[in-house]
Amino acid sequence: MDENTINRTKAAINALIDVEQLWIENTPNYNLSTQELLVLKKRLERASENVSRIYEDNKARMQAAEDKIKKMHEGKKRK
């Protein structure tokens, strides 16, 4: 993976950790304040954007890896 992918992955993970913390702090009734809802919105947007970019930037490589694994498993089944 390249540096941009690694940085996006870290940013997405950190944003999701922030979302989890909001949920933990507001358990069990999840009554988020207006400010907390805005933070939640921004963190979810950030995580979603980064995950989408990671996926799109690496889609061909991940598909190639999946295809390679499938071929390996097919070879094992034939034996």
N, C-alpha and C. Protein backbone atom coordinates (compact mmCIF):
# COMPACT_ATOMS: atom_id res chain seq x y z
N MET A 1 0.84 -1.18 0.00
CA MET A 1 0.00 0.00 0.00
C MET A 1 0.89 1.24 0.00
N ASP A 2 0.36 2.28 -0.62
CA ASP A 2 1.14 3.51 -0.64
C ASP A 2 0.82 4.37 0.59
N GLU A 3 1.58 5.43 0.74
CA GLU A 3 1.45 6.28 1.93
C GLU A 3 0.06 6.92 2.04
N ASN A 4 -0.51 7.34 0.91
CA ASN A 4 -1.85 7.94 0.94
C ASN A 4 -2.89 6.95 1.46
N THR A 5 -2.80 5.71 1.01
CA THR A 5 -3.75 4.68 1.47
C THR A 5 -3.60 4.45 2.96
N ILE A 6 -2.38 4.38 3.42
CA ILE A 6 -2.14 4.17 4.85
C ILE A 6 -2.70 5.34 5.66
N ASN A 7 -2.46 6.56 5.21
CA ASN A 7 -2.97 7.74 5.92
C ASN A 7 -4.50 7.79 5.90
N ARG A 8 -5.11 7.42 4.77
CA ARG A 8 -6.57 7.39 4.71
C ARG A 8 -7.14 6.32 5.62
N THR A 9 -6.45 5.19 5.68
CA THR A 9 -6.90 4.11 6.56
C THR A 9 -6.87 4.56 8.02
N LYS A 10 -5.78 5.20 8.41
CA LYS A 10 -5.67 5.71 9.79
C LYS A 10 -6.76 6.73 10.07
N ALA A 11 -7.00 7.63 9.11
CA ALA A 11 -8.02 8.66 9.31
C ALA A 11 -9.41 8.04 9.43
N ALA A 12 -9.70 7.04 8.62
CA ALA A 12 -11.00 6.37 8.69
C ALA A 12 -11.16 5.66 10.03
N ILE A 13 -10.13 4.98 10.46
CA ILE A 13 -10.19 4.27 11.75
C ILE A 13 -10.38 5.26 12.90
N ASN A 14 -9.64 6.35 12.87
CA ASN A 14 -9.77 7.36 13.93
C ASN A 14 -11.16 7.97 13.94
N ALA A 15 -11.72 8.23 12.77
CA ALA A 15 -13.07 8.78 12.71
C ALA A 15 -14.08 7.80 13.29
N LEU A 16 -13.92 6.51 12.98
CA LEU A 16 -14.84 5.51 13.53
C LEU A 16 -14.67 5.34 15.03
N ILE A 17 -13.46 5.49 15.52
CA ILE A 17 -13.23 5.46 16.97
C ILE A 17 -13.96 6.62 17.63
N ASP A 18 -13.91 7.79 17.01
CA ASP A 18 -14.64 8.96 17.53
C ASP A 18 -16.15 8.69 17.56
N VAL A 19 -16.66 8.05 16.52
CA VAL A 19 -18.09 7.71 16.47
C VAL A 19 -18.42 6.75 17.59
N GLU A 20 -17.59 5.74 17.78
CA GLU A 20 -17.83 4.77 18.85
C GLU A 20 -17.84 5.46 20.22
N GLN A 21 -16.93 6.38 20.40
CA GLN A 21 -16.86 7.09 21.68
C GLN A 21 -18.12 7.89 21.94
N LEU A 22 -18.66 8.53 20.90
CA LEU A 22 -19.93 9.25 21.04
C LEU A 22 -21.04 8.30 21.49
N TRP A 23 -21.09 7.11 20.89
CA TRP A 23 -22.12 6.14 21.26
C TRP A 23 -21.93 5.68 22.71
N ILE A 24 -20.69 5.40 23.09
CA ILE A 24 -20.42 4.94 24.46
C ILE A 24 -20.85 5.99 25.48
N GLU A 25 -20.52 7.24 25.19
CA GLU A 25 -20.85 8.32 26.12
C GLU A 25 -22.35 8.56 26.24
N ASN A 26 -23.12 8.13 25.25
CA ASN A 26 -24.56 8.40 25.24
C ASN A 26 -25.41 7.16 25.43
N THR A 27 -24.79 6.06 25.83
CA THR A 27 -25.54 4.84 26.11
C THR A 27 -26.31 5.02 27.41
N PRO A 28 -27.48 4.55 27.58
CA PRO A 28 -28.24 3.67 26.69
C PRO A 28 -29.24 4.41 25.80
N ASN A 29 -29.46 5.71 25.99
CA ASN A 29 -30.56 6.35 25.27
C ASN A 29 -30.13 7.13 24.02
N TYR A 30 -28.86 7.31 23.81
CA TYR A 30 -28.34 7.94 22.59
C TYR A 30 -28.96 9.30 22.30
N ASN A 31 -29.13 10.09 23.33
CA ASN A 31 -29.65 11.45 23.16
C ASN A 31 -28.50 12.39 22.89
N LEU A 32 -28.06 12.45 21.64
CA LEU A 32 -26.95 13.31 21.28
C LEU A 32 -27.41 14.76 21.18
N SER A 33 -26.57 15.64 21.66
CA SER A 33 -26.86 17.07 21.55
C SER A 33 -26.68 17.50 20.09
N THR A 34 -27.11 18.70 19.79
CA THR A 34 -26.94 19.24 18.44
C THR A 34 -25.46 19.24 18.05
N GLN A 35 -24.62 19.65 18.97
CA GLN A 35 -23.18 19.68 18.70
C GLN A 35 -22.64 18.27 18.46
N GLU A 36 -23.07 17.32 19.27
CA GLU A 36 -22.61 15.94 19.10
C GLU A 36 -23.09 15.34 17.78
N LEU A 37 -24.32 15.71 17.37
CA LEU A 37 -24.82 15.23 16.08
C LEU A 37 -24.00 15.79 14.93
N LEU A 38 -23.57 17.04 15.05
CA LEU A 38 -22.73 17.63 14.02
C LEU A 38 -21.37 16.93 13.96
N VAL A 39 -20.80 16.65 15.12
CA VAL A 39 -19.53 15.92 15.18
C VAL A 39 -19.72 14.54 14.57
N LEU A 40 -20.80 13.86 14.92
CA LEU A 40 -21.09 12.54 14.39
C LEU A 40 -21.18 12.59 12.87
N LYS A 41 -21.90 13.56 12.35
CA LYS A 41 -22.05 13.72 10.91
C LYS A 41 -20.69 13.89 10.23
N LYS A 42 -19.87 14.77 10.76
CA LYS A 42 -18.56 15.02 10.17
C LYS A 42 -17.66 13.80 10.23
N ARG A 43 -17.68 13.09 11.35
CA ARG A 43 -16.83 11.90 11.50
C ARG A 43 -17.28 10.79 10.55
N LEU A 44 -18.60 10.61 10.43
CA LEU A 44 -19.11 9.58 9.52
C LEU A 44 -18.79 9.93 8.07
N GLU A 45 -18.92 11.19 7.72
CA GLU A 45 -18.56 11.62 6.36
C GLU A 45 -17.09 11.38 6.09
N ARG A 46 -16.25 11.70 7.05
CA ARG A 46 -14.81 11.51 6.90
C ARG A 46 -14.48 10.04 6.74
N ALA A 47 -15.06 9.21 7.58
CA ALA A 47 -14.80 7.77 7.50
C ALA A 47 -15.29 7.22 6.17
N SER A 48 -16.48 7.60 5.76
CA SER A 48 -17.06 7.12 4.51
C SER A 48 -16.22 7.55 3.31
N GLU A 49 -15.80 8.78 3.29
CA GLU A 49 -14.97 9.29 2.20
C GLU A 49 -13.64 8.56 2.11
N ASN A 50 -12.99 8.37 3.25
CA ASN A 50 -11.70 7.69 3.26
C ASN A 50 -11.83 6.23 2.87
N VAL A 51 -12.84 5.55 3.36
CA VAL A 51 -13.04 4.15 3.01
C VAL A 51 -13.32 4.02 1.51
N SER A 52 -14.14 4.90 0.98
CA SER A 52 -14.43 4.87 -0.46
C SER A 52 -13.17 5.10 -1.29
N ARG A 53 -12.35 6.04 -0.87
CA ARG A 53 -11.11 6.31 -1.60
C ARG A 53 -10.15 5.13 -1.52
N ILE A 54 -10.02 4.55 -0.34
CA ILE A 54 -9.15 3.38 -0.17
C ILE A 54 -9.63 2.27 -1.10
N TYR A 55 -10.92 2.02 -1.11
CA TYR A 55 -11.48 0.96 -1.94
C TYR A 55 -11.23 1.22 -3.42
N GLU A 56 -11.58 2.42 -3.87
CA GLU A 56 -11.42 2.75 -5.29
C GLU A 56 -9.95 2.74 -5.71
N ASP A 57 -9.07 3.29 -4.88
CA ASP A 57 -7.65 3.35 -5.22
C ASP A 57 -7.00 1.97 -5.30
N ASN A 58 -7.56 1.00 -4.60
CA ASN A 58 -6.95 -0.32 -4.52
C ASN A 58 -7.82 -1.43 -5.10
N LYS A 59 -8.92 -1.05 -5.74
CA LYS A 59 -9.89 -2.03 -6.25
C LYS A 59 -9.24 -3.04 -7.19
N ALA A 60 -8.46 -2.58 -8.15
CA ALA A 60 -7.84 -3.49 -9.11
C ALA A 60 -6.87 -4.45 -8.42
N ARG A 61 -6.08 -3.93 -7.50
CA ARG A 61 -5.11 -4.76 -6.79
C ARG A 61 -5.82 -5.80 -5.92
N MET A 62 -6.89 -5.37 -5.25
CA MET A 62 -7.62 -6.31 -4.40
C MET A 62 -8.30 -7.38 -5.24
N GLN A 63 -8.85 -7.00 -6.41
CA GLN A 63 -9.49 -7.97 -7.28
C GLN A 63 -8.47 -8.96 -7.81
N ALA A 64 -7.29 -8.47 -8.18
CA ALA A 64 -6.22 -9.36 -8.66
C ALA A 64 -5.83 -10.35 -7.56
N ALA A 65 -5.75 -9.88 -6.32
CA ALA A 65 -5.41 -10.76 -5.20
C ALA A 65 -6.51 -11.81 -5.00
N GLU A 66 -7.76 -11.37 -5.09
CA GLU A 66 -8.88 -12.31 -4.93
C GLU A 66 -8.85 -13.36 -6.04
N ASP A 67 -8.62 -12.93 -7.27
CA ASP A 67 -8.55 -13.86 -8.39
C ASP A 67 -7.42 -14.87 -8.21
N LYS A 68 -6.28 -14.40 -7.72
CA LYS A 68 -5.13 -15.28 -7.48
C LYS A 68 -5.46 -16.33 -6.43
N ILE A 69 -6.11 -15.91 -5.36
CA ILE A 69 -6.50 -16.85 -4.30
C ILE A 69 -7.49 -17.88 -4.84
N LYS A 70 -8.46 -17.43 -5.64
CA LYS A 70 -9.44 -18.36 -6.22
C LYS A 70 -8.74 -19.41 -7.08
N LYS A 71 -7.78 -18.97 -7.90
CA LYS A 71 -7.05 -19.91 -8.74
C LYS A 71 -6.27 -20.91 -7.90
N MET A 72 -5.68 -20.44 -6.81
CA MET A 72 -4.94 -21.33 -5.92
C MET A 72 -5.88 -22.39 -5.34
N HIS A 73 -7.08 -21.97 -4.90
CA HIS A 73 -8.03 -22.90 -4.33
C HIS A 73 -8.56 -23.88 -5.37
N GLU A 74 -8.76 -23.39 -6.60
CA GLU A 74 -9.22 -24.28 -7.66
C GLU A 74 -8.18 -25.35 -7.96
N GLY A 75 -6.90 -24.94 -7.94
CA GLY A 75 -5.83 -25.91 -8.16
C GLY A 75 -5.78 -26.97 -7.10
N LYS A 76 -6.05 -26.60 -5.86
CA LYS A 76 -6.04 -27.56 -4.76
C LYS A 76 -7.22 -28.52 -4.86
N LYS A 77 -8.37 -28.03 -5.31
CA LYS A 77 -9.56 -28.88 -5.43
C LYS A 77 -9.39 -29.95 -6.50
N ARG A 78 -8.66 -29.63 -7.55
CA ARG A 78 -8.46 -30.56 -8.67
C ARG A 78 -7.55 -31.71 -8.30
N LYS A 79 -6.69 -31.52 -7.34
CA LYS A 79 -5.72 -32.57 -6.98
C LYS A 79 -6.33 -33.66 -6.17
